[in-house]
Amino acid sequence: MLAEVVTFLKASFEADYIMLGGGNAKKVGRPPPWSRLGSNLFAFRGGYRLWGLELTPTLTPDGRQEELPAADQEWRMI
């Protein structure tokens, strides 16, 4: 069922791939074609980039929060 949903979303949004995440994503095992497993640490960063905000709150590996400039190139995450 997950493979069908990934295929549908990829075609519907013309995405390069579908990012899977959340608490149960690790139970998926090998992700279906055209999908990747993502870390929840990147969810907020991706959301800020999606909406084009100037600074992106980012967690460093040691748990500190820094504000970094958003990416210069235009991209979208679905």
N, C-alpha and C. Protein backbone atom coordinates (compact mmCIF):
# COMPACT_ATOMS: atom_id res chain seq x y z
N MET A 1 0.82 -1.18 0.00
CA MET A 1 0.00 0.00 0.00
C MET A 1 0.87 1.26 0.00
N LEU A 2 1.95 1.24 0.78
CA LEU A 2 2.83 2.41 0.84
C LEU A 2 3.46 2.68 -0.52
N ALA A 3 3.87 1.64 -1.22
CA ALA A 3 4.45 1.81 -2.55
C ALA A 3 3.44 2.45 -3.51
N GLU A 4 2.18 2.09 -3.41
CA GLU A 4 1.14 2.69 -4.26
C GLU A 4 0.98 4.18 -3.95
N VAL A 5 0.98 4.52 -2.67
CA VAL A 5 0.83 5.93 -2.27
C VAL A 5 2.02 6.74 -2.75
N VAL A 6 3.24 6.21 -2.60
CA VAL A 6 4.44 6.92 -3.06
C VAL A 6 4.36 7.16 -4.56
N THR A 7 3.97 6.17 -5.31
CA THR A 7 3.84 6.30 -6.76
C THR A 7 2.81 7.37 -7.12
N PHE A 8 1.67 7.37 -6.43
CA PHE A 8 0.62 8.35 -6.67
C PHE A 8 1.10 9.77 -6.35
N LEU A 9 1.74 9.96 -5.19
CA LEU A 9 2.22 11.29 -4.80
C LEU A 9 3.29 11.80 -5.75
N LYS A 10 4.22 10.93 -6.14
CA LYS A 10 5.29 11.33 -7.05
C LYS A 10 4.70 11.83 -8.37
N ALA A 11 3.73 11.10 -8.90
CA ALA A 11 3.11 11.50 -10.17
C ALA A 11 2.25 12.76 -10.00
N SER A 12 1.53 12.84 -8.90
CA SER A 12 0.63 13.98 -8.69
C SER A 12 1.36 15.30 -8.54
N PHE A 13 2.47 15.27 -7.82
CA PHE A 13 3.21 16.50 -7.56
C PHE A 13 4.45 16.67 -8.42
N GLU A 14 4.66 15.73 -9.34
CA GLU A 14 5.84 15.75 -10.21
C GLU A 14 7.12 15.91 -9.40
N ALA A 15 7.21 15.17 -8.31
CA ALA A 15 8.36 15.23 -7.41
C ALA A 15 9.47 14.29 -7.89
N ASP A 16 10.69 14.63 -7.52
CA ASP A 16 11.82 13.74 -7.82
C ASP A 16 11.77 12.49 -6.95
N TYR A 17 11.38 12.68 -5.70
CA TYR A 17 11.21 11.56 -4.77
C TYR A 17 10.30 12.01 -3.64
N ILE A 18 9.80 11.06 -2.85
CA ILE A 18 8.93 11.33 -1.72
C ILE A 18 9.70 11.00 -0.45
N MET A 19 9.74 11.97 0.48
CA MET A 19 10.44 11.77 1.75
C MET A 19 9.46 11.20 2.77
N LEU A 20 9.81 10.08 3.35
CA LEU A 20 9.00 9.43 4.37
C LEU A 20 9.61 9.72 5.74
N GLY A 21 8.79 10.07 6.69
CA GLY A 21 9.30 10.35 8.03
C GLY A 21 8.22 10.14 9.06
N GLY A 22 8.58 10.43 10.30
CA GLY A 22 7.65 10.25 11.40
C GLY A 22 8.10 9.10 12.28
N GLY A 23 7.40 8.93 13.37
CA GLY A 23 7.79 7.95 14.37
C GLY A 23 7.83 6.52 13.88
N ASN A 24 6.97 6.15 12.96
CA ASN A 24 6.91 4.76 12.49
C ASN A 24 7.66 4.53 11.18
N ALA A 25 8.31 5.55 10.64
CA ALA A 25 9.01 5.39 9.37
C ALA A 25 10.11 4.34 9.45
N LYS A 26 10.73 4.22 10.61
CA LYS A 26 11.80 3.24 10.76
C LYS A 26 11.29 1.80 10.65
N LYS A 27 9.99 1.61 10.80
CA LYS A 27 9.40 0.27 10.70
C LYS A 27 9.14 -0.14 9.26
N VAL A 28 9.32 0.79 8.33
CA VAL A 28 9.06 0.51 6.92
C VAL A 28 10.05 -0.49 6.36
N GLY A 29 11.28 -0.50 6.88
CA GLY A 29 12.32 -1.33 6.30
C GLY A 29 12.90 -0.61 5.10
N ARG A 30 13.05 -1.33 4.01
CA ARG A 30 13.56 -0.70 2.79
C ARG A 30 12.44 0.14 2.18
N PRO A 31 12.71 1.44 1.94
CA PRO A 31 11.64 2.29 1.39
C PRO A 31 11.27 1.89 -0.03
N PRO A 32 10.03 2.13 -0.43
CA PRO A 32 9.60 1.81 -1.79
C PRO A 32 10.37 2.63 -2.82
N PRO A 33 10.35 2.20 -4.09
CA PRO A 33 11.00 2.99 -5.14
C PRO A 33 10.49 4.43 -5.13
N TRP A 34 11.36 5.35 -5.47
CA TRP A 34 11.07 6.78 -5.54
C TRP A 34 10.78 7.40 -4.19
N SER A 35 11.28 6.79 -3.11
CA SER A 35 11.11 7.37 -1.79
C SER A 35 12.39 7.22 -0.98
N ARG A 36 12.49 8.03 0.06
CA ARG A 36 13.63 7.99 0.98
C ARG A 36 13.12 8.15 2.39
N LEU A 37 13.84 7.58 3.35
CA LEU A 37 13.51 7.80 4.75
C LEU A 37 14.24 9.05 5.21
N GLY A 38 13.53 9.94 5.90
CA GLY A 38 14.13 11.18 6.37
C GLY A 38 14.09 11.28 7.88
N SER A 39 15.01 12.05 8.42
CA SER A 39 15.07 12.28 9.85
C SER A 39 14.09 13.38 10.24
N ASN A 40 13.47 13.23 11.40
CA ASN A 40 12.55 14.26 11.89
C ASN A 40 13.28 15.56 12.19
N LEU A 41 14.60 15.51 12.37
CA LEU A 41 15.36 16.73 12.65
C LEU A 41 15.30 17.72 11.50
N PHE A 42 15.02 17.23 10.29
CA PHE A 42 14.99 18.10 9.12
C PHE A 42 13.59 18.61 8.78
N ALA A 43 12.57 18.17 9.51
CA ALA A 43 11.20 18.54 9.18
C ALA A 43 10.98 20.05 9.27
N PHE A 44 11.37 20.66 10.36
CA PHE A 44 11.15 22.10 10.52
C PHE A 44 12.02 22.90 9.58
N ARG A 45 13.25 22.45 9.39
CA ARG A 45 14.15 23.15 8.46
C ARG A 45 13.56 23.14 7.05
N GLY A 46 13.07 22.01 6.62
CA GLY A 46 12.46 21.91 5.29
C GLY A 46 11.23 22.79 5.17
N GLY A 47 10.41 22.85 6.22
CA GLY A 47 9.23 23.69 6.20
C GLY A 47 9.57 25.16 6.05
N TYR A 48 10.60 25.61 6.77
CA TYR A 48 11.02 27.00 6.66
C TYR A 48 11.55 27.29 5.26
N ARG A 49 12.31 26.36 4.72
CA ARG A 49 12.83 26.57 3.35
C ARG A 49 11.70 26.57 2.34
N LEU A 50 10.72 25.70 2.54
CA LEU A 50 9.59 25.63 1.63
C LEU A 50 8.88 26.98 1.53
N TRP A 51 8.73 27.67 2.65
CA TRP A 51 8.02 28.94 2.67
C TRP A 51 8.94 30.12 2.43
N GLY A 52 10.24 29.89 2.21
CA GLY A 52 11.15 30.94 1.80
C GLY A 52 11.50 31.94 2.89
N LEU A 53 11.50 31.52 4.13
CA LEU A 53 11.89 32.43 5.20
C LEU A 53 13.39 32.69 5.16
N GLU A 54 13.79 33.84 5.62
CA GLU A 54 15.20 34.24 5.50
C GLU A 54 16.13 33.38 6.33
N LEU A 55 15.82 33.14 7.58
CA LEU A 55 16.69 32.34 8.44
C LEU A 55 16.02 31.03 8.78
N THR A 56 16.82 29.98 8.84
CA THR A 56 16.31 28.65 9.11
C THR A 56 16.83 28.16 10.45
N PRO A 57 15.95 27.94 11.45
CA PRO A 57 16.43 27.36 12.71
C PRO A 57 16.99 25.97 12.43
N THR A 58 18.19 25.71 12.91
CA THR A 58 18.87 24.46 12.62
C THR A 58 19.47 23.90 13.91
N LEU A 59 19.28 22.62 14.15
CA LEU A 59 19.90 21.97 15.30
C LEU A 59 21.28 21.46 14.89
N THR A 60 22.28 21.76 15.71
CA THR A 60 23.63 21.26 15.47
C THR A 60 23.73 19.86 16.05
N PRO A 61 24.76 19.09 15.67
CA PRO A 61 24.88 17.72 16.19
C PRO A 61 24.93 17.66 17.72
N ASP A 62 25.41 18.71 18.38
CA ASP A 62 25.48 18.68 19.84
C ASP A 62 24.21 19.24 20.50
N GLY A 63 23.15 19.50 19.71
CA GLY A 63 21.86 19.89 20.25
C GLY A 63 21.63 21.39 20.37
N ARG A 64 22.60 22.21 20.01
CA ARG A 64 22.40 23.66 20.05
C ARG A 64 21.56 24.09 18.85
N GLN A 65 20.88 25.22 18.99
CA GLN A 65 20.10 25.75 17.88
C GLN A 65 20.80 26.97 17.31
N GLU A 66 20.95 26.99 15.99
CA GLU A 66 21.54 28.12 15.29
C GLU A 66 20.57 28.55 14.20
N GLU A 67 20.67 29.81 13.79
CA GLU A 67 19.88 30.28 12.66
C GLU A 67 20.80 30.48 11.48
N LEU A 68 20.57 29.72 10.44
CA LEU A 68 21.40 29.76 9.24
C LEU A 68 20.59 30.31 8.08
N PRO A 69 21.23 30.97 7.13
CA PRO A 69 20.50 31.45 5.95
C PRO A 69 19.90 30.28 5.18
N ALA A 70 18.73 30.47 4.63
CA ALA A 70 18.10 29.45 3.80
C ALA A 70 18.90 29.27 2.52
N ALA A 71 18.67 28.18 1.84
CA ALA A 71 19.41 27.88 0.62
C ALA A 71 19.19 28.97 -0.43
N ASP A 72 20.23 29.25 -1.20
CA ASP A 72 20.15 30.27 -2.25
C ASP A 72 19.32 29.82 -3.44
N GLN A 73 19.38 28.53 -3.75
CA GLN A 73 18.66 28.06 -4.93
C GLN A 73 17.21 27.76 -4.59
N GLU A 74 16.37 27.89 -5.57
CA GLU A 74 14.95 27.62 -5.38
C GLU A 74 14.72 26.12 -5.46
N TRP A 75 13.96 25.57 -4.54
CA TRP A 75 13.59 24.16 -4.57
C TRP A 75 12.31 23.98 -3.77
N ARG A 76 11.70 22.85 -3.92
CA ARG A 76 10.47 22.58 -3.20
C ARG A 76 10.53 21.21 -2.58
N MET A 77 9.85 21.06 -1.47
CA MET A 77 9.78 19.79 -0.79
C MET A 77 8.32 19.46 -0.58
N ILE A 78 7.93 18.25 -0.92
CA ILE A 78 6.54 17.84 -0.76
C ILE A 78 6.52 16.63 0.14
